[in-house]
Amino acid sequence: MTTLKITAKGQVTLRQDILAHLGVGPKQKIEVEKLPHGRIMVRAAEPRGAITDFIGCLAKEDGPVLSLDDLAEIASQGWSGEK
């Protein structure tokens, strides 16, 4: 069992081994569910993006210029749920 310290602002920092166990890294999200008797459940958040969000970025005139390799990499990450 791991004990975490609460800061004066009410924040808790999760250790790297816990983040690795959840399979999350920088800029990814976790979900916290409140359970009865003062318990919580923490899990990696599922990506909420849709392929239409990706396709919409191609229509922007001021959007980034991407190669076909860049597009293939972005698409494979989005469809696999990886980031």
PDB file of N, CA and C in Angstrom:
ATOM      1  N   MET A   1       0.845  -1.174   0.000  1.00  0.00           N
ATOM      2  CA  MET A   1       0.000   0.000   0.000  1.00  0.00           C
ATOM      3  C   MET A   1       0.891   1.236   0.000  1.00  0.00           C
ATOM      4  N   THR A   2       0.476   2.251  -0.734  1.00  0.00           N
ATOM      5  CA  THR A   2       1.210   3.505  -0.841  1.00  0.00           C
ATOM      6  C   THR A   2       0.450   4.587  -0.082  1.00  0.00           C
ATOM      7  N   THR A   3       1.170   5.378   0.701  1.00  0.00           N
ATOM      8  CA  THR A   3       0.575   6.511   1.401  1.00  0.00           C
ATOM      9  C   THR A   3       1.010   7.786   0.699  1.00  0.00           C
ATOM     10  N   LEU A   4       0.051   8.651   0.397  1.00  0.00           N
ATOM     11  CA  LEU A   4       0.317   9.907  -0.297  1.00  0.00           C
ATOM     12  C   LEU A   4       0.012  11.068   0.635  1.00  0.00           C
ATOM     13  N   LYS A   5       0.771  12.144   0.481  1.00  0.00           N
ATOM     14  CA  LYS A   5       0.610  13.329   1.315  1.00  0.00           C
ATOM     15  C   LYS A   5      -0.274  14.349   0.589  1.00  0.00           C
ATOM     16  N   ILE A   6      -1.175  14.986   1.329  1.00  0.00           N
ATOM     17  CA  ILE A   6      -2.048  16.013   0.787  1.00  0.00           C
ATOM     18  C   ILE A   6      -1.404  17.372   1.049  1.00  0.00           C
ATOM     19  N   THR A   7      -1.311  18.202   0.005  1.00  0.00           N
ATOM     20  CA  THR A   7      -0.711  19.529   0.150  1.00  0.00           C
ATOM     21  C   THR A   7      -1.709  20.484   0.800  1.00  0.00           C
ATOM     22  N   ALA A   8      -1.234  21.680   1.139  1.00  0.00           N
ATOM     23  CA  ALA A   8      -2.097  22.705   1.723  1.00  0.00           C
ATOM     24  C   ALA A   8      -3.222  23.097   0.769  1.00  0.00           C
ATOM     25  N   LYS A   9      -3.000  22.922  -0.548  1.00  0.00           N
ATOM     26  CA  LYS A   9      -4.020  23.236  -1.550  1.00  0.00           C
ATOM     27  C   LYS A   9      -4.984  22.067  -1.787  1.00  0.00           C
ATOM     28  N   GLY A  10      -4.800  20.971  -1.050  1.00  0.00           N
ATOM     29  CA  GLY A  10      -5.670  19.811  -1.215  1.00  0.00           C
ATOM     30  C   GLY A  10      -5.291  18.931  -2.390  1.00  0.00           C
ATOM     31  N   GLN A  11      -4.058  19.047  -2.872  1.00  0.00           N
ATOM     32  CA  GLN A  11      -3.604  18.272  -4.021  1.00  0.00           C
ATOM     33  C   GLN A  11      -2.792  17.066  -3.572  1.00  0.00           C
ATOM     34  N   VAL A  12      -2.821  16.030  -4.411  1.00  0.00           N
ATOM     35  CA  VAL A  12      -2.059  14.812  -4.168  1.00  0.00           C
ATOM     36  C   VAL A  12      -1.241  14.529  -5.406  1.00  0.00           C
ATOM     37  N   THR A  13       0.033  14.204  -5.227  1.00  0.00           N
ATOM     38  CA  THR A  13       0.888  13.832  -6.349  1.00  0.00           C
ATOM     39  C   THR A  13       1.018  12.322  -6.371  1.00  0.00           C
ATOM     40  N   LEU A  14       0.708  11.716  -7.525  1.00  0.00           N
ATOM     41  CA  LEU A  14       0.851  10.266  -7.666  1.00  0.00           C
ATOM     42  C   LEU A  14       2.283   9.935  -8.060  1.00  0.00           C
ATOM     43  N   ARG A  15       2.854   8.932  -7.416  1.00  0.00           N
ATOM     44  CA  ARG A  15       4.226   8.529  -7.717  1.00  0.00           C
ATOM     45  C   ARG A  15       4.302   7.876  -9.090  1.00  0.00           C
ATOM     46  N   GLN A  16       5.510   7.884  -9.644  1.00  0.00           N
ATOM     47  CA  GLN A  16       5.712   7.353 -10.996  1.00  0.00           C
ATOM     48  C   GLN A  16       5.318   5.883 -11.105  1.00  0.00           C
ATOM     49  N   ASP A  17       5.558   5.090 -10.063  1.00  0.00           N
ATOM     50  CA  ASP A  17       5.193   3.674 -10.137  1.00  0.00           C
ATOM     51  C   ASP A  17       3.676   3.491 -10.206  1.00  0.00           C
ATOM     52  N   ILE A  18       2.924   4.389  -9.575  1.00  0.00           N
ATOM     53  CA  ILE A  18       1.464   4.311  -9.646  1.00  0.00           C
ATOM     54  C   ILE A  18       0.988   4.724 -11.036  1.00  0.00           C
ATOM     55  N   LEU A  19       1.583   5.791 -11.575  1.00  0.00           N
ATOM     56  CA  LEU A  19       1.220   6.222 -12.930  1.00  0.00           C
ATOM     57  C   LEU A  19       1.546   5.136 -13.953  1.00  0.00           C
ATOM     58  N   ALA A  20       2.688   4.475 -13.775  1.00  0.00           N
ATOM     59  CA  ALA A  20       3.062   3.381 -14.679  1.00  0.00           C
ATOM     60  C   ALA A  20       2.063   2.233 -14.564  1.00  0.00           C
ATOM     61  N   HIS A  21       1.628   1.950 -13.360  1.00  0.00           N
ATOM     62  CA  HIS A  21       0.636   0.889 -13.147  1.00  0.00           C
ATOM     63  C   HIS A  21      -0.680   1.220 -13.854  1.00  0.00           C
ATOM     64  N   LEU A  22      -1.052   2.498 -13.839  1.00  0.00           N
ATOM     65  CA  LEU A  22      -2.268   2.934 -14.539  1.00  0.00           C
ATOM     66  C   LEU A  22      -2.063   3.008 -16.048  1.00  0.00           C
ATOM     67  N   GLY A  23      -0.798   3.044 -16.480  1.00  0.00           N
ATOM     68  CA  GLY A  23      -0.503   3.149 -17.907  1.00  0.00           C
ATOM     69  C   GLY A  23      -0.689   4.554 -18.448  1.00  0.00           C
ATOM     70  N   VAL A  24      -0.464   5.572 -17.608  1.00  0.00           N
ATOM     71  CA  VAL A  24      -0.617   6.961 -18.036  1.00  0.00           C
ATOM     72  C   VAL A  24       0.696   7.706 -17.891  1.00  0.00           C
ATOM     73  N   GLY A  25       0.818   8.776 -18.661  1.00  0.00           N
ATOM     74  CA  GLY A  25       2.011   9.604 -18.629  1.00  0.00           C
ATOM     75  C   GLY A  25       1.623  11.065 -18.718  1.00  0.00           C
ATOM     76  N   PRO A  26       2.610  11.915 -18.956  1.00  0.00           N
ATOM     77  CA  PRO A  26       2.350  13.352 -19.038  1.00  0.00           C
ATOM     78  C   PRO A  26       1.260  13.690 -20.055  1.00  0.00           C
ATOM     79  N   LYS A  27       0.417  14.624 -19.688  1.00  0.00           N
ATOM     80  CA  LYS A  27      -0.679  15.147 -20.507  1.00  0.00           C
ATOM     81  C   LYS A  27      -1.829  14.166 -20.713  1.00  0.00           C
ATOM     82  N   GLN A  28      -1.740  12.978 -20.133  1.00  0.00           N
ATOM     83  CA  GLN A  28      -2.865  12.059 -20.191  1.00  0.00           C
ATOM     84  C   GLN A  28      -3.720  12.272 -18.955  1.00  0.00           C
ATOM     85  N   LYS A  29      -4.900  11.714 -18.942  1.00  0.00           N
ATOM     86  CA  LYS A  29      -5.844  11.947 -17.860  1.00  0.00           C
ATOM     87  C   LYS A  29      -6.181  10.669 -17.116  1.00  0.00           C
ATOM     88  N   ILE A  30      -6.616  10.855 -15.872  1.00  0.00           N
ATOM     89  CA  ILE A  30      -7.142   9.748 -15.079  1.00  0.00           C
ATOM     90  C   ILE A  30      -8.551  10.114 -14.643  1.00  0.00           C
ATOM     91  N   GLU A  31      -9.336   9.101 -14.328  1.00  0.00           N
ATOM     92  CA  GLU A  31     -10.692   9.305 -13.827  1.00  0.00           C
ATOM     93  C   GLU A  31     -10.732   8.831 -12.381  1.00  0.00           C
ATOM     94  N   VAL A  32     -11.493   9.536 -11.562  1.00  0.00           N
ATOM     95  CA  VAL A  32     -11.674   9.168 -10.166  1.00  0.00           C
ATOM     96  C   VAL A  32     -13.164   9.011  -9.919  1.00  0.00           C
ATOM     97  N   GLU A  33     -13.551   7.858  -9.397  1.00  0.00           N
ATOM     98  CA  GLU A  33     -14.951   7.589  -9.099  1.00  0.00           C
ATOM     99  C   GLU A  33     -15.112   7.479  -7.587  1.00  0.00           C
ATOM    100  N   LYS A  34     -16.088   8.203  -7.046  1.00  0.00           N
ATOM    101  CA  LYS A  34     -16.362   8.133  -5.608  1.00  0.00           C
ATOM    102  C   LYS A  34     -17.180   6.873  -5.324  1.00  0.00           C
ATOM    103  N   LEU A  35     -16.734   6.111  -4.343  1.00  0.00           N
ATOM    104  CA  LEU A  35     -17.404   4.886  -3.917  1.00  0.00           C
ATOM    105  C   LEU A  35     -17.928   5.067  -2.495  1.00  0.00           C
ATOM    106  N   PRO A  36     -18.806   4.188  -2.047  1.00  0.00           N
ATOM    107  CA  PRO A  36     -19.310   4.290  -0.668  1.00  0.00           C
ATOM    108  C   PRO A  36     -18.186   4.161   0.371  1.00  0.00           C
ATOM    109  N   HIS A  37     -18.457   4.653   1.558  1.00  0.00           N
ATOM    110  CA  HIS A  37     -17.570   4.525   2.722  1.00  0.00           C
ATOM    111  C   HIS A  37     -16.237   5.246   2.539  1.00  0.00           C
ATOM    112  N   GLY A  38     -16.249   6.393   1.844  1.00  0.00           N
ATOM    113  CA  GLY A  38     -15.045   7.212   1.720  1.00  0.00           C
ATOM    114  C   GLY A  38     -13.963   6.618   0.830  1.00  0.00           C
ATOM    115  N   ARG A  39     -14.319   5.734  -0.064  1.00  0.00           N
ATOM    116  CA  ARG A  39     -13.348   5.115  -0.967  1.00  0.00           C
ATOM    117  C   ARG A  39     -13.451   5.737  -2.352  1.00  0.00           C
ATOM    118  N   ILE A  40     -12.384   5.624  -3.120  1.00  0.00           N
ATOM    119  CA  ILE A  40     -12.387   6.079  -4.505  1.00  0.00           C
ATOM    120  C   ILE A  40     -11.765   5.006  -5.386  1.00  0.00           C
ATOM    121  N   MET A  41     -12.075   5.055  -6.673  1.00  0.00           N
ATOM    122  CA  MET A  41     -11.445   4.189  -7.657  1.00  0.00           C
ATOM    123  C   MET A  41     -10.780   5.100  -8.679  1.00  0.00           C
ATOM    124  N   VAL A  42      -9.507   4.834  -8.963  1.00  0.00           N
ATOM    125  CA  VAL A  42      -8.738   5.626  -9.919  1.00  0.00           C
ATOM    126  C   VAL A  42      -8.385   4.734 -11.105  1.00  0.00           C
ATOM    127  N   ARG A  43      -8.582   5.246 -12.327  1.00  0.00           N
ATOM    128  CA  ARG A  43      -8.238   4.481 -13.529  1.00  0.00           C
ATOM    129  C   ARG A  43      -7.842   5.450 -14.638  1.00  0.00           C
ATOM    130  N   ALA A  44      -7.149   4.934 -15.620  1.00  0.00           N
ATOM    131  CA  ALA A  44      -6.778   5.737 -16.786  1.00  0.00           C
ATOM    132  C   ALA A  44      -8.040   6.116 -17.541  1.00  0.00           C
ATOM    133  N   ALA A  45      -8.129   7.382 -17.954  1.00  0.00           N
ATOM    134  CA  ALA A  45      -9.290   7.853 -18.714  1.00  0.00           C
ATOM    135  C   ALA A  45      -9.186   7.354 -20.144  1.00  0.00           C
ATOM    136  N   GLU A  46     -10.313   6.974 -20.694  1.00  0.00           N
ATOM    137  CA  GLU A  46     -10.364   6.559 -22.092  1.00  0.00           C
ATOM    138  C   GLU A  46     -10.309   7.801 -22.972  1.00  0.00           C
ATOM    139  N   PRO A  47      -9.583   7.737 -24.083  1.00  0.00           N
ATOM    140  CA  PRO A  47      -9.559   8.889 -24.993  1.00  0.00           C
ATOM    141  C   PRO A  47     -10.969   9.224 -25.468  1.00  0.00           C
ATOM    142  N   ARG A  48     -11.265  10.500 -25.543  1.00  0.00           N
ATOM    143  CA  ARG A  48     -12.613  10.943 -25.929  1.00  0.00           C
ATOM    144  C   ARG A  48     -12.661  11.506 -27.345  1.00  0.00           C
ATOM    145  N   GLY A  49     -11.549  11.527 -28.030  1.00  0.00           N
ATOM    146  CA  GLY A  49     -11.507  12.095 -29.369  1.00  0.00           C
ATOM    147  C   GLY A  49     -12.220  11.220 -30.386  1.00  0.00           C
ATOM    148  N   ALA A  50     -12.609  11.840 -31.477  1.00  0.00           N
ATOM    149  CA  ALA A  50     -13.257  11.115 -32.564  1.00  0.00           C
ATOM    150  C   ALA A  50     -12.468  11.350 -33.845  1.00  0.00           C
ATOM    151  N   ILE A  51     -12.581  10.458 -34.790  1.00  0.00           N
ATOM    152  CA  ILE A  51     -11.867  10.596 -36.057  1.00  0.00           C
ATOM    153  C   ILE A  51     -12.299  11.888 -36.763  1.00  0.00           C
ATOM    154  N   THR A  52     -13.529  12.330 -36.533  1.00  0.00           N
ATOM    155  CA  THR A  52     -13.975  13.575 -37.159  1.00  0.00           C
ATOM    156  C   THR A  52     -13.199  14.781 -36.627  1.00  0.00           C
ATOM    157  N   ASP A  53     -12.739  14.715 -35.377  1.00  0.00           N
ATOM    158  CA  ASP A  53     -11.905  15.793 -34.848  1.00  0.00           C
ATOM    159  C   ASP A  53     -10.606  15.883 -35.635  1.00  0.00           C
ATOM    160  N   PHE A  54     -10.037  14.750 -35.964  1.00  0.00           N
ATOM    161  CA  PHE A  54      -8.799  14.711 -36.738  1.00  0.00           C
ATOM    162  C   PHE A  54      -9.031  15.218 -38.160  1.00  0.00           C
ATOM    163  N   ILE A  55     -10.076  14.726 -38.796  1.00  0.00           N
ATOM    164  CA  ILE A  55     -10.358  15.115 -40.172  1.00  0.00           C
ATOM    165  C   ILE A  55     -10.631  16.618 -40.256  1.00  0.00           C
ATOM    166  N   GLY A  56     -11.324  17.167 -39.272  1.00  0.00           N
ATOM    167  CA  GLY A  56     -11.623  18.587 -39.262  1.00  0.00           C
ATOM    168  C   GLY A  56     -10.377  19.451 -39.253  1.00  0.00           C
ATOM    169  N   CYS A  57      -9.287  18.970 -38.660  1.00  0.00           N
ATOM    170  CA  CYS A  57      -8.073  19.787 -38.592  1.00  0.00           C
ATOM    171  C   CYS A  57      -7.439  19.953 -39.968  1.00  0.00           C
ATOM    172  N   LEU A  58      -7.713  19.064 -40.892  1.00  0.00           N
ATOM    173  CA  LEU A  58      -7.136  19.166 -42.225  1.00  0.00           C
ATOM    174  C   LEU A  58      -7.740  20.317 -43.020  1.00  0.00           C
ATOM    175  N   ALA A  59      -8.967  20.706 -42.673  1.00  0.00           N
ATOM    176  CA  ALA A  59      -9.654  21.754 -43.416  1.00  0.00           C
ATOM    177  C   ALA A  59      -9.213  23.157 -43.008  1.00  0.00           C
ATOM    178  N   LYS A  60      -8.493  23.287 -41.928  1.00  0.00           N
ATOM    179  CA  LYS A  60      -8.074  24.599 -41.453  1.00  0.00           C
ATOM    180  C   LYS A  60      -6.923  25.130 -42.300  1.00  0.00           C
ATOM    181  N   GLU A  61      -7.093  26.342 -42.802  1.00  0.00           N
ATOM    182  CA  GLU A  61      -6.052  26.947 -43.630  1.00  0.00           C
ATOM    183  C   GLU A  61      -4.793  27.249 -42.832  1.00  0.00           C
ATOM    184  N   ASP A  62      -4.951  27.581 -41.555  1.00  0.00           N
ATOM    185  CA  ASP A  62      -3.790  27.923 -40.734  1.00  0.00           C
ATOM    186  C   ASP A  62      -3.274  26.730 -39.931  1.00  0.00           C
ATOM    187  N   GLY A  63      -3.733  25.519 -40.263  1.00  0.00           N
ATOM    188  CA  GLY A  63      -3.314  24.317 -39.551  1.00  0.00           C
ATOM    189  C   GLY A  63      -1.891  23.920 -39.911  1.00  0.00           C
ATOM    190  N   PRO A  64      -1.338  22.930 -39.204  1.00  0.00           N
ATOM    191  CA  PRO A  64       0.034  22.502 -39.463  1.00  0.00           C
ATOM    192  C   PRO A  64       0.162  21.793 -40.814  1.00  0.00           C
ATOM    193  N   VAL A  65       1.348  21.865 -41.386  1.00  0.00           N
ATOM    194  CA  VAL A  65       1.643  21.141 -42.617  1.00  0.00           C
ATOM    195  C   VAL A  65       2.226  19.795 -42.206  1.00  0.00           C
ATOM    196  N   LEU A  66       1.556  18.719 -42.603  1.00  0.00           N
ATOM    197  CA  LEU A  66       1.965  17.379 -42.191  1.00  0.00           C
ATOM    198  C   LEU A  66       2.285  16.521 -43.399  1.00  0.00           C
ATOM    199  N   SER A  67       3.299  15.677 -43.236  1.00  0.00           N
ATOM    200  CA  SER A  67       3.627  14.734 -44.301  1.00  0.00           C
ATOM    201  C   SER A  67       2.679  13.537 -44.199  1.00  0.00           C
ATOM    202  N   LEU A  68       2.691  12.672 -45.213  1.00  0.00           N
ATOM    203  CA  LEU A  68       1.874  11.463 -45.166  1.00  0.00           C
ATOM    204  C   LEU A  68       2.298  10.565 -44.007  1.00  0.00           C
ATOM    205  N   ASP A  69       3.596  10.523 -43.713  1.00  0.00           N
ATOM    206  CA  ASP A  69       4.074   9.742 -42.571  1.00  0.00           C
ATOM    207  C   ASP A  69       3.530  10.304 -41.262  1.00  0.00           C
ATOM    208  N   ASP A  70       3.510  11.653 -41.139  1.00  0.00           N
ATOM    209  CA  ASP A  70       2.943  12.295 -39.947  1.00  0.00           C
ATOM    210  C   ASP A  70       1.470  11.919 -39.783  1.00  0.00           C
ATOM    211  N   LEU A  71       0.725  12.012 -40.890  1.00  0.00           N
ATOM    212  CA  LEU A  71      -0.702  11.686 -40.853  1.00  0.00           C
ATOM    213  C   LEU A  71      -0.937  10.232 -40.469  1.00  0.00           C
ATOM    214  N   ALA A  72      -0.138   9.326 -41.011  1.00  0.00           N
ATOM    215  CA  ALA A  72      -0.282   7.901 -40.693  1.00  0.00           C
ATOM    216  C   ALA A  72      -0.004   7.648 -39.217  1.00  0.00           C
ATOM    217  N   GLU A  73       1.007   8.306 -38.667  1.00  0.00           N
ATOM    218  CA  GLU A  73       1.343   8.142 -37.250  1.00  0.00           C
ATOM    219  C   GLU A  73       0.224   8.663 -36.362  1.00  0.00           C
ATOM    220  N   ILE A  74      -0.298   9.842 -36.668  1.00  0.00           N
ATOM    221  CA  ILE A  74      -1.392  10.430 -35.882  1.00  0.00           C
ATOM    222  C   ILE A  74      -2.623   9.533 -35.943  1.00  0.00           C
ATOM    223  N   ALA A  75      -2.946   9.051 -37.128  1.00  0.00           N
ATOM    224  CA  ALA A  75      -4.119   8.195 -37.289  1.00  0.00           C
ATOM    225  C   ALA A  75      -3.965   6.894 -36.520  1.00  0.00           C
ATOM    226  N   SER A  76      -2.797   6.275 -36.569  1.00  0.00           N
ATOM    227  CA  SER A  76      -2.604   5.002 -35.868  1.00  0.00           C
ATOM    228  C   SER A  76      -2.672   5.201 -34.358  1.00  0.00           C
ATOM    229  N   GLN A  77      -2.166   6.310 -33.850  1.00  0.00           N
ATOM    230  CA  GLN A  77      -2.250   6.589 -32.412  1.00  0.00           C
ATOM    231  C   GLN A  77      -3.689   6.817 -31.984  1.00  0.00           C
ATOM    232  N   GLY A  78      -4.433   7.582 -32.770  1.00  0.00           N
ATOM    233  CA  GLY A  78      -5.813   7.874 -32.428  1.00  0.00           C
ATOM    234  C   GLY A  78      -6.701   6.639 -32.445  1.00  0.00           C
ATOM    235  N   TRP A  79      -6.518   5.805 -33.445  1.00  0.00           N
ATOM    236  CA  TRP A  79      -7.361   4.613 -33.566  1.00  0.00           C
ATOM    237  C   TRP A  79      -6.972   3.541 -32.557  1.00  0.00           C
ATOM    238  N   SER A  80      -5.721   3.525 -32.121  1.00  0.00           N
ATOM    239  CA  SER A  80      -5.293   2.497 -31.164  1.00  0.00           C
ATOM    240  C   SER A  80      -5.518   2.932 -29.728  1.00  0.00           C
ATOM    241  N   GLY A  81      -5.828   4.233 -29.506  1.00  0.00           N
ATOM    242  CA  GLY A  81      -6.020   4.735 -28.154  1.00  0.00           C
ATOM    243  C   GLY A  81      -4.724   5.138 -27.494  1.00  0.00           C
ATOM    244  N   GLU A  82      -3.593   5.071 -28.202  1.00  0.00           N
ATOM    245  CA  GLU A  82      -2.296   5.460 -27.653  1.00  0.00           C
ATOM    246  C   GLU A  82      -2.083   6.942 -27.856  1.00  0.00           C
ATOM    247  N   LYS A  83      -1.190   7.511 -27.014  1.00  0.00           N
ATOM    248  CA  LYS A  83      -0.814   8.916 -27.168  1.00  0.00           C
ATOM    249  C   LYS A  83       0.648   9.062 -26.962  1.00  0.00           C
TER     250      LYS A  83
END
